[in-house]
Amino acid sequence: MRQRILTAELMDDPGLDPAEHGRALMGLRRLNTLSNAAGPVRGALVPMLRGAGVEHARARLLDVATGGGDLLLALGRAGFGTGTGRLVGVDVSATALGIARQNGERLGIAAEWVLADVLAGGLPVEDGGVDVAVCSLFLHHLDEAGVVRVLAEMRRVSRVGVVVSDLRRSRVGLALAAAVSRVVTRSRVVHVDAVKSVRSAWCGDELAALAARAGLGGARVRGVWPARLLLVWAGQGVRT
């Protein structure tokens, strides 16, 4: 799988039936839980915030392309941003944000859900307005210019650092996506998009090069279980 193949995914269709969209997000939530998607992000946040002298409960976190809010709410459940901190999820889909809001209320986690298109208008946050911007399973939807745009915006709004989790393009990842997606959900959207997502994913060297173009010099990119990449960038003077 040396060559990346970027094609439009079913969930990216603005005309997707809201009920089908909801079923797909539920399927993704199961996949994220099974693969412990939030674990590596949480693990990267701990030393980053500690190095900046920020207590977990006081952390201000922004989740870009939050979808159903799975990552942000998992971090909230782990105690991040739940004291005097702030949890903000941004997405272009009102349907997804409505589901994220319901999930947050069900879990008793206070978060803000903001409708915005990071590619078209940037993030609705001032420079350095949050401690850390996080993002999961979004960059594989984008071309190179889109990835650079998103990472640069995440860098702009973050005082402490940036953490990104996404798929890693590989034959193992492709096989897992095809098999596991059919086990955890009946959603056809997830079945189709899971395979498309791996084919359009980045490899580590590619993502590191795009991060450098976005101004995230020194960003570390590594593989994490089961078939993902984790990008971690800390701002100047932050010990990790």
Protein backbone atom coordinates (compact mmCIF):
# COMPACT_ATOMS: atom_id res chain seq x y z
CA MET A 1 0.00 0.00 0.00
CA ARG A 2 2.63 2.50 -1.07
CA GLN A 3 0.17 4.77 -2.84
CA ARG A 4 -2.51 6.72 -1.02
CA ILE A 5 -6.00 6.60 -2.58
CA LEU A 6 -8.26 9.45 -1.44
CA THR A 7 -11.96 9.03 -2.25
CA ALA A 8 -15.07 10.63 -0.80
CA GLU A 9 -16.55 8.69 2.11
CA LEU A 10 -20.25 8.11 2.62
CA MET A 11 -20.25 9.92 5.96
CA ASP A 12 -18.83 13.02 4.28
CA ASP A 13 -22.00 13.37 2.20
CA PRO A 14 -23.99 16.34 3.58
CA GLY A 15 -27.14 14.68 2.24
CA LEU A 16 -26.65 11.53 4.32
CA ASP A 17 -29.85 10.59 6.15
CA PRO A 18 -29.55 11.77 9.78
CA ALA A 19 -30.73 8.41 11.12
CA GLU A 20 -28.10 6.60 9.06
CA HIS A 21 -25.52 9.14 10.18
CA GLY A 22 -26.41 8.41 13.79
CA ARG A 23 -26.09 4.64 13.27
CA ALA A 24 -22.69 5.15 11.66
CA LEU A 25 -21.47 7.29 14.57
CA MET A 26 -22.62 4.62 17.00
CA GLY A 27 -20.66 2.04 15.02
CA LEU A 28 -17.58 4.24 15.09
CA ARG A 29 -17.98 4.64 18.84
CA ARG A 30 -17.81 0.87 19.21
CA LEU A 31 -14.73 0.71 17.00
CA ASN A 32 -13.05 3.47 19.00
CA THR A 33 -13.83 1.74 22.28
CA LEU A 34 -12.59 -1.63 21.04
CA SER A 35 -9.33 -0.15 19.73
CA ASN A 36 -8.78 2.06 22.81
CA ALA A 37 -8.53 5.06 20.49
CA ALA A 38 -8.43 7.57 23.33
CA GLY A 39 -5.67 5.74 25.23
CA PRO A 40 -2.63 7.00 23.28
CA VAL A 41 -4.02 10.55 23.20
CA ARG A 42 -4.58 10.46 26.96
CA GLY A 43 -1.07 9.08 27.42
CA ALA A 44 0.44 11.92 25.39
CA LEU A 45 -1.53 14.59 27.26
CA VAL A 46 -0.31 13.56 30.71
CA PRO A 47 3.39 14.51 30.34
CA MET A 48 2.58 17.46 28.05
CA LEU A 49 0.27 19.13 30.56
CA ARG A 50 2.56 18.26 33.46
CA GLY A 51 5.50 19.83 31.60
CA ALA A 52 3.49 23.03 31.18
CA GLY A 53 2.37 23.07 34.83
CA VAL A 54 -1.30 22.50 33.99
CA GLU A 55 -3.45 20.28 36.21
CA HIS A 56 -5.60 17.81 34.27
CA ALA A 57 -8.87 19.15 35.65
CA ARG A 58 -7.90 22.71 34.69
CA ALA A 59 -6.88 21.85 31.15
CA ARG A 60 -8.55 23.61 28.23
CA LEU A 61 -8.94 21.09 25.41
CA LEU A 62 -10.27 21.58 21.90
CA ASP A 63 -11.29 18.58 19.79
CA VAL A 64 -11.22 19.28 16.04
CA ALA A 65 -13.75 17.37 13.89
CA THR A 66 -15.20 15.88 17.06
CA GLY A 67 -17.97 13.88 15.34
CA GLY A 68 -20.02 12.19 18.05
CA GLY A 69 -17.62 13.50 20.72
CA ASP A 70 -16.05 10.12 21.49
CA LEU A 71 -12.50 11.35 22.09
CA LEU A 72 -13.40 14.52 23.99
CA LEU A 73 -15.84 12.70 26.26
CA ALA A 74 -13.35 9.90 26.91
CA LEU A 75 -10.85 12.52 28.02
CA GLY A 76 -13.51 14.12 30.19
CA ARG A 77 -14.24 10.77 31.81
CA ALA A 78 -10.52 10.51 32.57
CA GLY A 79 -10.70 13.82 34.44
CA PHE A 80 -9.31 16.23 31.86
CA GLY A 81 -10.96 19.64 31.80
CA THR A 82 -13.65 18.77 34.31
CA GLY A 83 -12.67 21.22 37.05
CA THR A 84 -12.06 24.83 36.12
CA GLY A 85 -10.94 23.70 32.67
CA ARG A 86 -12.86 23.63 29.42
CA LEU A 87 -13.84 20.96 26.89
CA VAL A 88 -14.79 22.16 23.40
CA GLY A 89 -15.72 20.04 20.40
CA VAL A 90 -15.84 21.53 16.89
CA ASP A 91 -17.44 19.93 13.85
CA VAL A 92 -18.96 20.92 10.51
CA SER A 93 -21.96 18.61 11.00
CA ALA A 94 -24.91 19.79 13.07
CA THR A 95 -26.17 16.19 13.15
CA ALA A 96 -22.91 14.95 14.67
CA LEU A 97 -22.84 17.76 17.21
CA GLY A 98 -26.39 16.97 18.28
CA ILE A 99 -25.36 13.39 18.97
CA ALA A 100 -22.22 14.56 20.78
CA ARG A 101 -24.34 16.81 22.98
CA GLN A 102 -26.66 13.90 23.83
CA ASN A 103 -23.68 11.69 24.64
CA GLY A 104 -22.23 14.35 26.92
CA GLU A 105 -25.50 14.80 28.77
CA ARG A 106 -25.86 11.03 29.16
CA LEU A 107 -22.38 10.81 30.68
CA GLY A 108 -22.81 13.93 32.82
CA ILE A 109 -19.81 15.67 31.23
CA ALA A 110 -20.03 19.41 30.58
CA ALA A 111 -18.69 20.34 27.15
CA GLU A 112 -19.26 22.98 24.52
CA TRP A 113 -20.20 21.88 20.99
CA VAL A 114 -19.42 24.40 18.26
CA LEU A 115 -20.50 24.30 14.62
CA ALA A 116 -17.59 25.43 12.43
CA ASP A 117 -15.69 24.47 9.28
CA VAL A 118 -11.97 24.49 10.08
CA LEU A 119 -11.07 24.24 6.39
CA ALA A 120 -13.22 27.12 5.22
CA GLY A 121 -13.11 29.55 8.13
CA GLY A 122 -10.54 28.25 10.59
CA LEU A 123 -11.16 27.48 14.24
CA PRO A 124 -13.37 29.96 16.18
CA VAL A 125 -10.76 30.34 18.92
CA GLU A 126 -8.24 33.11 19.60
CA ASP A 127 -4.50 32.53 19.34
CA GLY A 128 -3.39 30.37 22.27
CA GLY A 129 -6.98 30.16 23.47
CA VAL A 130 -6.71 26.52 24.58
CA ASP A 131 -3.97 24.47 26.17
CA VAL A 132 -4.05 21.54 23.75
CA ALA A 133 -5.87 20.90 20.49
CA VAL A 134 -6.58 17.25 19.77
CA CYS A 135 -7.94 15.49 16.70
CA SER A 136 -8.85 11.90 15.88
CA LEU A 137 -9.67 10.20 12.57
CA PHE A 138 -9.96 13.37 10.50
CA LEU A 139 -6.72 13.96 8.62
CA HIS A 140 -7.15 10.92 6.37
CA HIS A 141 -10.19 12.66 4.85
CA LEU A 142 -8.03 15.52 3.55
CA ASP A 143 -5.53 16.28 0.83
CA GLU A 144 -2.08 17.65 1.69
CA ALA A 145 -3.19 21.28 1.68
CA GLY A 146 -6.11 20.43 3.96
CA VAL A 147 -3.89 18.63 6.47
CA VAL A 148 -1.45 21.54 6.57
CA ARG A 149 -4.35 23.95 7.04
CA VAL A 150 -5.83 21.99 9.95
CA LEU A 151 -2.51 21.40 11.72
CA ALA A 152 -1.55 25.05 11.37
CA GLU A 153 -4.87 26.11 12.90
CA MET A 154 -4.42 23.63 15.75
CA ARG A 155 -0.97 25.05 16.38
CA ARG A 156 -2.30 28.63 16.32
CA VAL A 157 -4.95 28.07 18.99
CA SER A 158 -2.83 25.87 21.28
CA ARG A 159 -0.68 27.26 24.05
CA VAL A 160 0.86 23.96 25.14
CA GLY A 161 0.72 21.52 22.24
CA VAL A 162 -1.09 19.42 19.66
CA VAL A 163 -2.01 15.72 19.69
CA VAL A 164 -3.42 13.90 16.65
CA SER A 165 -4.49 10.28 16.31
CA ASP A 166 -5.30 8.82 12.92
CA LEU A 167 -5.19 5.67 10.85
CA ARG A 168 -1.94 4.29 9.45
CA ARG A 169 -1.98 3.06 5.86
CA SER A 170 -1.03 -0.62 5.86
CA ARG A 171 -2.24 -4.01 4.69
CA VAL A 172 -2.80 -5.07 8.30
CA GLY A 173 -4.93 -2.00 8.92
CA LEU A 174 -6.94 -2.67 5.77
CA ALA A 175 -7.67 -6.25 6.82
CA LEU A 176 -8.65 -5.19 10.33
CA ALA A 177 -10.94 -2.44 9.02
CA ALA A 178 -12.75 -4.80 6.67
CA ALA A 179 -13.21 -7.54 9.26
CA VAL A 180 -13.80 -5.72 12.54
CA SER A 181 -16.20 -3.13 11.12
CA ARG A 182 -18.59 -5.93 10.14
CA VAL A 183 -18.37 -7.49 13.59
CA VAL A 184 -19.16 -4.38 15.64
CA THR A 185 -21.87 -2.72 13.54
CA ARG A 186 -24.49 -3.34 10.88
CA SER A 187 -23.99 0.15 9.45
CA ARG A 188 -23.22 -0.06 5.73
CA VAL A 189 -21.68 3.41 5.96
CA VAL A 190 -19.08 2.12 8.42
CA HIS A 191 -18.44 -1.04 6.37
CA VAL A 192 -17.68 1.00 3.25
CA ASP A 193 -15.92 3.93 4.88
CA ALA A 194 -13.66 1.82 7.10
CA VAL A 195 -11.89 0.37 4.06
CA LYS A 196 -11.82 3.69 2.22
CA SER A 197 -10.34 5.35 5.31
CA VAL A 198 -7.34 3.02 5.49
CA ARG A 199 -6.63 3.42 1.77
CA SER A 200 -6.64 7.20 2.20
CA ALA A 201 -4.61 7.21 5.43
CA TRP A 202 -1.11 8.63 5.73
CA CYS A 203 2.10 6.83 6.62
CA GLY A 204 4.36 8.16 9.35
CA ASP A 205 6.91 9.94 7.14
CA GLU A 206 4.16 11.63 5.13
CA LEU A 207 2.40 12.96 8.22
CA ALA A 208 5.65 14.17 9.77
CA ALA A 209 6.50 16.10 6.58
CA LEU A 210 3.04 17.73 6.53
CA ALA A 211 3.39 18.67 10.20
CA ALA A 212 6.69 20.41 9.44
CA ARG A 213 5.02 22.37 6.61
CA ALA A 214 2.31 23.45 9.08
CA GLY A 215 4.88 24.88 11.49
CA LEU A 216 4.95 21.97 13.93
CA GLY A 217 8.70 21.63 13.86
CA GLY A 218 9.96 18.73 15.95
CA ALA A 219 6.61 16.92 15.97
CA ARG A 220 6.96 13.23 16.80
CA VAL A 221 4.98 10.69 14.80
CA ARG A 222 4.86 7.03 15.85
CA GLY A 223 2.75 3.97 15.26
CA VAL A 224 0.35 2.85 17.99
CA TRP A 225 -1.83 -0.25 18.40
CA PRO A 226 -3.64 -1.57 16.47
CA ALA A 227 -2.95 0.29 13.21
CA ARG A 228 -2.80 3.99 13.97
CA LEU A 229 -0.44 6.94 14.01
CA LEU A 230 0.03 9.35 16.90
CA LEU A 231 1.42 12.84 16.25
CA VAL A 232 2.61 14.82 19.26
CA TRP A 233 3.91 18.39 19.15
CA ALA A 234 4.81 20.46 22.20
CA GLY A 235 5.15 24.23 22.16
CA GLN A 236 8.37 26.04 22.97
CA GLY A 237 9.45 25.59 26.56
CA VAL A 238 7.07 22.69 27.28
CA ARG A 239 8.79 19.65 28.75
CA THR A 240 7.47 16.24 27.62
